[in-house]
Amino acid sequence: MDIFDRARRALGDLAQSASTQATVLQLQTRMGEIQTELERQYGEAGHRARELWRARVFTDSDFEILMTRITSLQQELDQLRAQVDEVYQADQQPRSGVCAECGRSLEPNDGFCRRCGAEAPSGGSGAPSSPPD
């Protein structure tokens, strides 16, 4: 592997990492917004409960709208956390179409890298070619 191949591979890895980090940052930003809104909703629920307690009219129906909103926000937050996990897991998977050893582009039916002979990731279409001699 020559220096240009190494540089190309490093730049490709860097671009993939930057893309992953940007996606995760967007998800984490939304998660922070939801957590802030959850805290606001919980505070509102607490203030409302205190008002109702002081007025001696505390009923469950008064909290239905707040609790529904809190439940919805919590579910969205859980979904975003799952998406962050998926992004990190996908980033750990080998990229298809690129040799994991030297970074050379692979054709869809390559079974082995034509440059270094490393086995190509599975899932390609067609019959794999044989490794270089």
C-alpha atoms as a PDB file:
ATOM      1  CA  MET A   1       0.000   0.000   0.000  1.00  0.00           C
ATOM      2  CA  ASP A   2       1.558   3.300  -1.071  1.00  0.00           C
ATOM      3  CA  ILE A   3       1.309   6.612   0.735  1.00  0.00           C
ATOM      4  CA  PHE A   4      -1.490   7.885  -1.516  1.00  0.00           C
ATOM      5  CA  ASP A   5      -3.601   4.823  -0.784  1.00  0.00           C
ATOM      6  CA  ARG A   6      -3.031   5.271   2.938  1.00  0.00           C
ATOM      7  CA  ALA A   7      -3.920   8.960   2.709  1.00  0.00           C
ATOM      8  CA  ARG A   8      -7.049   8.157   0.685  1.00  0.00           C
ATOM      9  CA  ARG A   9      -8.080   5.533   3.215  1.00  0.00           C
ATOM     10  CA  ALA A  10      -7.400   7.894   6.120  1.00  0.00           C
ATOM     11  CA  LEU A  11      -9.442  10.653   4.466  1.00  0.00           C
ATOM     12  CA  GLY A  12     -12.277   8.210   3.795  1.00  0.00           C
ATOM     13  CA  ASP A  13     -12.231   7.065   7.411  1.00  0.00           C
ATOM     14  CA  LEU A  14     -12.141  10.676   8.585  1.00  0.00           C
ATOM     15  CA  ALA A  15     -15.094  11.620   6.383  1.00  0.00           C
ATOM     16  CA  GLN A  16     -17.084   8.615   7.636  1.00  0.00           C
ATOM     17  CA  SER A  17     -16.260   9.508  11.235  1.00  0.00           C
ATOM     18  CA  ALA A  18     -17.244  13.152  10.703  1.00  0.00           C
ATOM     19  CA  SER A  19     -20.539  12.079   9.145  1.00  0.00           C
ATOM     20  CA  THR A  20     -21.253   9.775  12.065  1.00  0.00           C
ATOM     21  CA  GLN A  21     -20.405  12.483  14.579  1.00  0.00           C
ATOM     22  CA  ALA A  22     -22.634  15.013  12.775  1.00  0.00           C
ATOM     23  CA  THR A  23     -25.571  12.595  12.838  1.00  0.00           C
ATOM     24  CA  VAL A  24     -25.026  11.803  16.501  1.00  0.00           C
ATOM     25  CA  LEU A  25     -24.719  15.519  17.318  1.00  0.00           C
ATOM     26  CA  GLN A  26     -28.058  16.227  15.636  1.00  0.00           C
ATOM     27  CA  LEU A  27     -29.715  13.411  17.572  1.00  0.00           C
ATOM     28  CA  GLN A  28     -28.129  14.496  20.844  1.00  0.00           C
ATOM     29  CA  THR A  29     -29.233  18.100  20.264  1.00  0.00           C
ATOM     30  CA  ARG A  30     -32.822  16.934  19.830  1.00  0.00           C
ATOM     31  CA  MET A  31     -32.471  14.726  22.907  1.00  0.00           C
ATOM     32  CA  GLY A  32     -31.348  17.757  24.919  1.00  0.00           C
ATOM     33  CA  GLU A  33     -34.333  19.739  23.680  1.00  0.00           C
ATOM     34  CA  ILE A  34     -36.687  16.922  24.698  1.00  0.00           C
ATOM     35  CA  GLN A  35     -35.064  16.578  28.105  1.00  0.00           C
ATOM     36  CA  THR A  36     -35.479  20.318  28.676  1.00  0.00           C
ATOM     37  CA  GLU A  37     -39.133  20.100  27.663  1.00  0.00           C
ATOM     38  CA  LEU A  38     -39.627  17.087  29.936  1.00  0.00           C
ATOM     39  CA  GLU A  39     -38.225  19.049  32.861  1.00  0.00           C
ATOM     40  CA  ARG A  40     -40.556  21.930  32.027  1.00  0.00           C
ATOM     41  CA  GLN A  41     -43.536  19.573  31.842  1.00  0.00           C
ATOM     42  CA  TYR A  42     -42.617  17.933  35.146  1.00  0.00           C
ATOM     43  CA  GLY A  43     -42.303  21.388  36.720  1.00  0.00           C
ATOM     44  CA  GLU A  44     -45.678  22.382  35.328  1.00  0.00           C
ATOM     45  CA  ALA A  45     -47.199  19.175  36.685  1.00  0.00           C
ATOM     46  CA  GLY A  46     -45.730  19.913  40.106  1.00  0.00           C
ATOM     47  CA  HIS A  47     -47.031  23.487  40.132  1.00  0.00           C
ATOM     48  CA  ARG A  48     -50.454  22.329  38.985  1.00  0.00           C
ATOM     49  CA  ALA A  49     -50.549  19.618  41.657  1.00  0.00           C
ATOM     50  CA  ARG A  50     -49.688  22.168  44.337  1.00  0.00           C
ATOM     51  CA  GLU A  51     -52.385  24.569  43.137  1.00  0.00           C
ATOM     52  CA  LEU A  52     -54.990  21.808  43.102  1.00  0.00           C
ATOM     53  CA  TRP A  53     -53.907  20.521  46.480  1.00  0.00           C
ATOM     54  CA  ARG A  54     -54.179  23.991  47.985  1.00  0.00           C
ATOM     55  CA  ALA A  55     -57.636  24.417  46.435  1.00  0.00           C
ATOM     56  CA  ARG A  56     -58.618  20.933  47.649  1.00  0.00           C
ATOM     57  CA  VAL A  57     -59.714  19.899  44.153  1.00  0.00           C
ATOM     58  CA  PHE A  58     -56.925  17.485  43.250  1.00  0.00           C
ATOM     59  CA  THR A  59     -58.216  15.109  40.545  1.00  0.00           C
ATOM     60  CA  ASP A  60     -56.502  12.758  38.143  1.00  0.00           C
ATOM     61  CA  SER A  61     -58.237  14.185  35.063  1.00  0.00           C
ATOM     62  CA  ASP A  62     -56.481  17.509  35.615  1.00  0.00           C
ATOM     63  CA  PHE A  63     -53.156  15.824  34.874  1.00  0.00           C
ATOM     64  CA  GLU A  64     -54.169  13.775  31.843  1.00  0.00           C
ATOM     65  CA  ILE A  65     -52.950  16.300  29.254  1.00  0.00           C
ATOM     66  CA  LEU A  66     -49.635  16.891  31.046  1.00  0.00           C
ATOM     67  CA  MET A  67     -49.006  13.198  31.610  1.00  0.00           C
ATOM     68  CA  THR A  68     -49.858  12.393  27.973  1.00  0.00           C
ATOM     69  CA  ARG A  69     -47.354  15.014  26.806  1.00  0.00           C
ATOM     70  CA  ILE A  70     -44.692  13.742  29.220  1.00  0.00           C
ATOM     71  CA  THR A  71     -45.241  10.166  28.046  1.00  0.00           C
ATOM     72  CA  SER A  72     -44.973  11.245  24.402  1.00  0.00           C
ATOM     73  CA  LEU A  73     -41.741  13.153  25.054  1.00  0.00           C
ATOM     74  CA  GLN A  74     -40.255  10.218  26.947  1.00  0.00           C
ATOM     75  CA  GLN A  75     -41.076   7.859  24.055  1.00  0.00           C
ATOM     76  CA  GLU A  76     -39.476  10.236  21.535  1.00  0.00           C
ATOM     77  CA  LEU A  77     -36.395  10.494  23.739  1.00  0.00           C
ATOM     78  CA  ASP A  78     -36.146   6.687  23.935  1.00  0.00           C
ATOM     79  CA  GLN A  79     -36.431   6.453  20.130  1.00  0.00           C
ATOM     80  CA  LEU A  80     -33.652   9.014  19.659  1.00  0.00           C
ATOM     81  CA  ARG A  81     -31.413   7.109  22.074  1.00  0.00           C
ATOM     82  CA  ALA A  82     -32.027   3.964  20.010  1.00  0.00           C
ATOM     83  CA  GLN A  83     -31.127   5.878  16.832  1.00  0.00           C
ATOM     84  CA  VAL A  84     -27.851   7.045  18.385  1.00  0.00           C
ATOM     85  CA  ASP A  85     -27.052   3.423  19.234  1.00  0.00           C
ATOM     86  CA  GLU A  86     -27.871   2.369  15.644  1.00  0.00           C
ATOM     87  CA  VAL A  87     -25.628   5.086  14.194  1.00  0.00           C
ATOM     88  CA  TYR A  88     -22.722   4.001  16.385  1.00  0.00           C
ATOM     89  CA  GLN A  89     -23.297   0.329  15.508  1.00  0.00           C
ATOM     90  CA  ALA A  90     -23.511   1.092  11.777  1.00  0.00           C
ATOM     91  CA  ASP A  91     -20.255   3.047  12.005  1.00  0.00           C
ATOM     92  CA  GLN A  92     -18.552  -0.064  13.383  1.00  0.00           C
ATOM     93  CA  GLN A  93     -19.652  -2.179  10.386  1.00  0.00           C
ATOM     94  CA  PRO A  94     -17.258  -2.515   7.460  1.00  0.00           C
ATOM     95  CA  ARG A  95     -18.198  -0.245   4.572  1.00  0.00           C
ATOM     96  CA  SER A  96     -19.362  -2.177   1.536  1.00  0.00           C
ATOM     97  CA  GLY A  97     -17.630  -1.369  -1.708  1.00  0.00           C
ATOM     98  CA  VAL A  98     -14.325  -0.556   0.024  1.00  0.00           C
ATOM     99  CA  CYS A  99     -11.533  -2.926   0.997  1.00  0.00           C
ATOM    100  CA  ALA A 100     -11.198  -3.044   4.776  1.00  0.00           C
ATOM    101  CA  GLU A 101      -7.435  -3.610   4.473  1.00  0.00           C
ATOM    102  CA  CYS A 102      -6.233  -1.069   1.915  1.00  0.00           C
ATOM    103  CA  GLY A 103      -9.235   1.149   1.201  1.00  0.00           C
ATOM    104  CA  ARG A 104      -9.433   0.412  -2.534  1.00  0.00           C
ATOM    105  CA  SER A 105     -12.872   0.582  -4.148  1.00  0.00           C
ATOM    106  CA  LEU A 106     -14.390  -2.817  -4.842  1.00  0.00           C
ATOM    107  CA  GLU A 107     -16.683  -3.832  -7.652  1.00  0.00           C
ATOM    108  CA  PRO A 108     -20.025  -5.407  -6.632  1.00  0.00           C
ATOM    109  CA  ASN A 109     -18.936  -8.908  -7.692  1.00  0.00           C
ATOM    110  CA  ASP A 110     -15.408  -8.786  -6.230  1.00  0.00           C
ATOM    111  CA  GLY A 111     -14.794 -11.555  -3.724  1.00  0.00           C
ATOM    112  CA  PHE A 112     -11.266 -10.288  -3.043  1.00  0.00           C
ATOM    113  CA  CYS A 113      -9.507  -6.952  -3.280  1.00  0.00           C
ATOM    114  CA  ARG A 114      -7.662  -6.678  -6.574  1.00  0.00           C
ATOM    115  CA  ARG A 115      -4.882  -4.667  -4.912  1.00  0.00           C
ATOM    116  CA  CYS A 116      -4.048  -6.509  -1.677  1.00  0.00           C
ATOM    117  CA  GLY A 117      -5.981  -9.785  -1.965  1.00  0.00           C
ATOM    118  CA  ALA A 118      -8.051  -9.289   1.208  1.00  0.00           C
ATOM    119  CA  GLU A 119     -11.447 -10.960   1.215  1.00  0.00           C
ATOM    120  CA  ALA A 120     -14.237  -8.522   0.307  1.00  0.00           C
ATOM    121  CA  PRO A 121     -17.190  -8.097   2.670  1.00  0.00           C
ATOM    122  CA  SER A 122     -19.982 -10.579   1.943  1.00  0.00           C
ATOM    123  CA  GLY A 123     -23.235  -9.515   0.402  1.00  0.00           C
ATOM    124  CA  GLY A 124     -21.885  -8.690  -3.053  1.00  0.00           C
ATOM    125  CA  SER A 125     -23.897  -9.747  -6.076  1.00  0.00           C
ATOM    126  CA  GLY A 126     -22.661 -12.194  -8.636  1.00  0.00           C
ATOM    127  CA  ALA A 127     -19.912 -14.768  -8.394  1.00  0.00           C
ATOM    128  CA  PRO A 128     -16.817 -13.677  -6.496  1.00  0.00           C
ATOM    129  CA  SER A 129     -13.649 -13.263  -8.449  1.00  0.00           C
ATOM    130  CA  SER A 130     -10.616 -15.224  -7.412  1.00  0.00           C
ATOM    131  CA  PRO A 131      -7.821 -13.557  -5.426  1.00  0.00           C
ATOM    132  CA  PRO A 132      -4.948 -11.989  -7.367  1.00  0.00           C
ATOM    133  CA  ASP A 133      -1.928 -14.145  -8.101  1.00  0.00           C
END
